Amino acid sequence: MKNRLKVARAEHNLSQAELAEKVGVSRQTINSIETGRYIPSTTLALKLARAFAMATEDIFQLEDTD
């Protein structure tokens, strides 16, 4: 899964710690999502999208496997 989380966070001038606090996870979780080491749950993906007032699909995309 690809994501634009780091870009969205930068556009909103938020640190990893600030975003983590907004959605109720650790800064390390945000870092792991941004680097592709962790795929968030549906609930967390929706919370992240809500934090940026964006659609979930604007942040997370499935990678083509063809």
N, C-alpha and C. Protein backbone atom coordinates (compact mmCIF):
# COMPACT_ATOMS: atom_id res chain seq x y z
N MET A 1 0.85 -1.17 0.00
CA MET A 1 0.00 0.00 0.00
C MET A 1 0.90 1.24 0.00
N LYS A 2 0.60 2.16 -0.90
CA LYS A 2 1.31 3.43 -0.94
C LYS A 2 0.53 4.45 -0.11
N ASN A 3 1.24 5.47 0.36
CA ASN A 3 0.52 6.52 1.08
C ASN A 3 1.20 7.87 0.89
N ARG A 4 0.41 8.90 1.07
CA ARG A 4 0.86 10.28 0.98
C ARG A 4 0.83 10.94 2.36
N LEU A 5 0.96 10.16 3.40
CA LEU A 5 0.81 10.68 4.75
C LEU A 5 1.84 11.75 5.07
N LYS A 6 3.09 11.51 4.72
CA LYS A 6 4.14 12.49 5.01
C LYS A 6 3.88 13.80 4.28
N VAL A 7 3.43 13.72 3.03
CA VAL A 7 3.12 14.91 2.25
C VAL A 7 1.94 15.67 2.87
N ALA A 8 0.88 14.94 3.21
CA ALA A 8 -0.30 15.57 3.82
C ALA A 8 0.07 16.24 5.15
N ARG A 9 0.91 15.56 5.91
CA ARG A 9 1.34 16.11 7.21
C ARG A 9 2.14 17.39 7.00
N ALA A 10 3.02 17.40 6.02
CA ALA A 10 3.82 18.59 5.72
C ALA A 10 2.93 19.73 5.23
N GLU A 11 1.95 19.41 4.40
CA GLU A 11 1.03 20.43 3.89
C GLU A 11 0.24 21.10 5.01
N HIS A 12 0.00 20.35 6.09
CA HIS A 12 -0.75 20.88 7.23
C HIS A 12 0.18 21.33 8.36
N ASN A 13 1.48 21.32 8.10
CA ASN A 13 2.47 21.80 9.06
C ASN A 13 2.35 21.12 10.42
N LEU A 14 2.23 19.77 10.38
CA LEU A 14 2.13 19.00 11.62
C LEU A 14 3.37 18.12 11.77
N SER A 15 3.84 18.00 12.98
CA SER A 15 4.92 17.05 13.26
C SER A 15 4.30 15.66 13.39
N GLN A 16 5.16 14.65 13.37
CA GLN A 16 4.66 13.29 13.59
C GLN A 16 3.99 13.18 14.95
N ALA A 17 4.59 13.81 15.95
CA ALA A 17 4.04 13.75 17.31
C ALA A 17 2.68 14.43 17.40
N GLU A 18 2.53 15.56 16.73
CA GLU A 18 1.24 16.28 16.74
C GLU A 18 0.15 15.45 16.07
N LEU A 19 0.48 14.86 14.93
CA LEU A 19 -0.51 14.03 14.24
C LEU A 19 -0.85 12.80 15.08
N ALA A 20 0.16 12.20 15.66
CA ALA A 20 -0.07 11.01 16.50
C ALA A 20 -1.03 11.33 17.64
N GLU A 21 -0.83 12.48 18.27
CA GLU A 21 -1.72 12.87 19.37
C GLU A 21 -3.15 13.07 18.88
N LYS A 22 -3.30 13.68 17.70
CA LYS A 22 -4.63 13.92 17.15
C LYS A 22 -5.42 12.64 16.91
N VAL A 23 -4.72 11.58 16.49
CA VAL A 23 -5.42 10.34 16.15
C VAL A 23 -5.27 9.24 17.19
N GLY A 24 -4.52 9.51 18.27
CA GLY A 24 -4.45 8.58 19.38
C GLY A 24 -3.49 7.40 19.20
N VAL A 25 -2.37 7.65 18.52
CA VAL A 25 -1.34 6.61 18.38
C VAL A 25 0.01 7.21 18.77
N SER A 26 1.05 6.39 18.70
CA SER A 26 2.39 6.89 19.02
C SER A 26 3.04 7.54 17.80
N ARG A 27 4.05 8.36 18.05
CA ARG A 27 4.80 8.97 16.96
C ARG A 27 5.46 7.88 16.11
N GLN A 28 5.90 6.81 16.77
CA GLN A 28 6.53 5.71 16.06
C GLN A 28 5.57 5.05 15.08
N THR A 29 4.29 4.98 15.43
CA THR A 29 3.29 4.42 14.51
C THR A 29 3.18 5.27 13.26
N ILE A 30 3.13 6.59 13.44
CA ILE A 30 3.06 7.50 12.28
C ILE A 30 4.30 7.32 11.41
N ASN A 31 5.47 7.25 12.04
CA ASN A 31 6.71 7.04 11.29
C ASN A 31 6.67 5.73 10.52
N SER A 32 6.19 4.67 11.13
CA SER A 32 6.13 3.36 10.47
C SER A 32 5.16 3.36 9.29
N ILE A 33 4.07 4.08 9.41
CA ILE A 33 3.13 4.19 8.29
C ILE A 33 3.78 4.96 7.15
N GLU A 34 4.40 6.08 7.48
CA GLU A 34 5.04 6.91 6.45
C GLU A 34 6.12 6.17 5.69
N THR A 35 6.85 5.30 6.36
CA THR A 35 7.95 4.58 5.71
C THR A 35 7.50 3.25 5.11
N GLY A 36 6.22 2.93 5.22
CA GLY A 36 5.69 1.72 4.62
C GLY A 36 5.94 0.44 5.39
N ARG A 37 6.40 0.56 6.63
CA ARG A 37 6.64 -0.63 7.44
C ARG A 37 5.37 -1.13 8.13
N TYR A 38 4.34 -0.30 8.17
CA TYR A 38 3.11 -0.65 8.87
C TYR A 38 1.93 -0.17 8.04
N ILE A 39 0.96 -1.06 7.85
CA ILE A 39 -0.28 -0.70 7.16
C ILE A 39 -1.33 -0.47 8.23
N PRO A 40 -1.92 0.73 8.26
CA PRO A 40 -2.87 1.04 9.34
C PRO A 40 -4.16 0.25 9.20
N SER A 41 -4.83 0.09 10.32
CA SER A 41 -6.17 -0.51 10.31
C SER A 41 -7.12 0.44 9.58
N THR A 42 -8.26 -0.07 9.22
CA THR A 42 -9.27 0.77 8.57
C THR A 42 -9.64 1.94 9.47
N THR A 43 -9.82 1.67 10.74
CA THR A 43 -10.18 2.72 11.69
C THR A 43 -9.12 3.81 11.74
N LEU A 44 -7.86 3.42 11.82
CA LEU A 44 -6.78 4.40 11.88
C LEU A 44 -6.68 5.17 10.56
N ALA A 45 -6.83 4.50 9.44
CA ALA A 45 -6.79 5.18 8.14
C ALA A 45 -7.89 6.23 8.06
N LEU A 46 -9.07 5.90 8.54
CA LEU A 46 -10.18 6.86 8.54
C LEU A 46 -9.91 8.03 9.48
N LYS A 47 -9.33 7.77 10.64
CA LYS A 47 -8.99 8.85 11.57
C LYS A 47 -7.95 9.78 10.96
N LEU A 48 -6.96 9.21 10.28
CA LEU A 48 -5.93 10.02 9.64
C LEU A 48 -6.54 10.89 8.55
N ALA A 49 -7.41 10.31 7.74
CA ALA A 49 -8.06 11.09 6.69
C ALA A 49 -8.91 12.21 7.29
N ARG A 50 -9.61 11.92 8.35
CA ARG A 50 -10.44 12.93 9.02
C ARG A 50 -9.58 14.07 9.58
N ALA A 51 -8.40 13.73 10.09
CA ALA A 51 -7.50 14.74 10.65
C ALA A 51 -7.08 15.77 9.60
N PHE A 52 -7.05 15.35 8.33
CA PHE A 52 -6.67 16.24 7.24
C PHE A 52 -7.88 16.72 6.42
N ALA A 53 -9.08 16.31 6.81
CA ALA A 53 -10.30 16.64 6.06
C ALA A 53 -10.16 16.20 4.60
N MET A 54 -9.65 14.97 4.44
CA MET A 54 -9.44 14.40 3.11
C MET A 54 -10.14 13.05 3.04
N ALA A 55 -10.37 12.58 1.82
CA ALA A 55 -10.87 11.22 1.63
C ALA A 55 -9.73 10.25 1.91
N THR A 56 -10.05 9.10 2.44
CA THR A 56 -9.04 8.09 2.73
C THR A 56 -8.23 7.75 1.48
N GLU A 57 -8.91 7.68 0.33
CA GLU A 57 -8.25 7.34 -0.93
C GLU A 57 -7.26 8.41 -1.37
N ASP A 58 -7.39 9.62 -0.85
CA ASP A 58 -6.44 10.69 -1.18
C ASP A 58 -5.12 10.52 -0.44
N ILE A 59 -5.13 9.70 0.61
CA ILE A 59 -3.92 9.45 1.39
C ILE A 59 -3.35 8.06 1.11
N PHE A 60 -4.22 7.07 1.03
CA PHE A 60 -3.78 5.68 0.87
C PHE A 60 -4.24 5.12 -0.46
N GLN A 61 -3.33 4.45 -1.16
CA GLN A 61 -3.66 3.81 -2.44
C GLN A 61 -3.07 2.41 -2.47
N LEU A 62 -3.83 1.48 -3.05
CA LEU A 62 -3.29 0.14 -3.27
C LEU A 62 -2.27 0.20 -4.39
N GLU A 63 -1.20 -0.53 -4.24
CA GLU A 63 -0.20 -0.60 -5.30
C GLU A 63 -0.68 -1.59 -6.35
N ASP A 64 -0.44 -1.28 -7.62
CA ASP A 64 -0.79 -2.20 -8.70
C ASP A 64 0.07 -3.44 -8.60
N THR A 65 -0.56 -4.59 -8.70
CA THR A 65 0.17 -5.85 -8.63
C THR A 65 0.23 -6.54 -9.98
N ASP A 66 -0.23 -5.87 -11.01
CA ASP A 66 -0.23 -6.47 -12.36
C ASP A 66 1.15 -6.45 -12.97
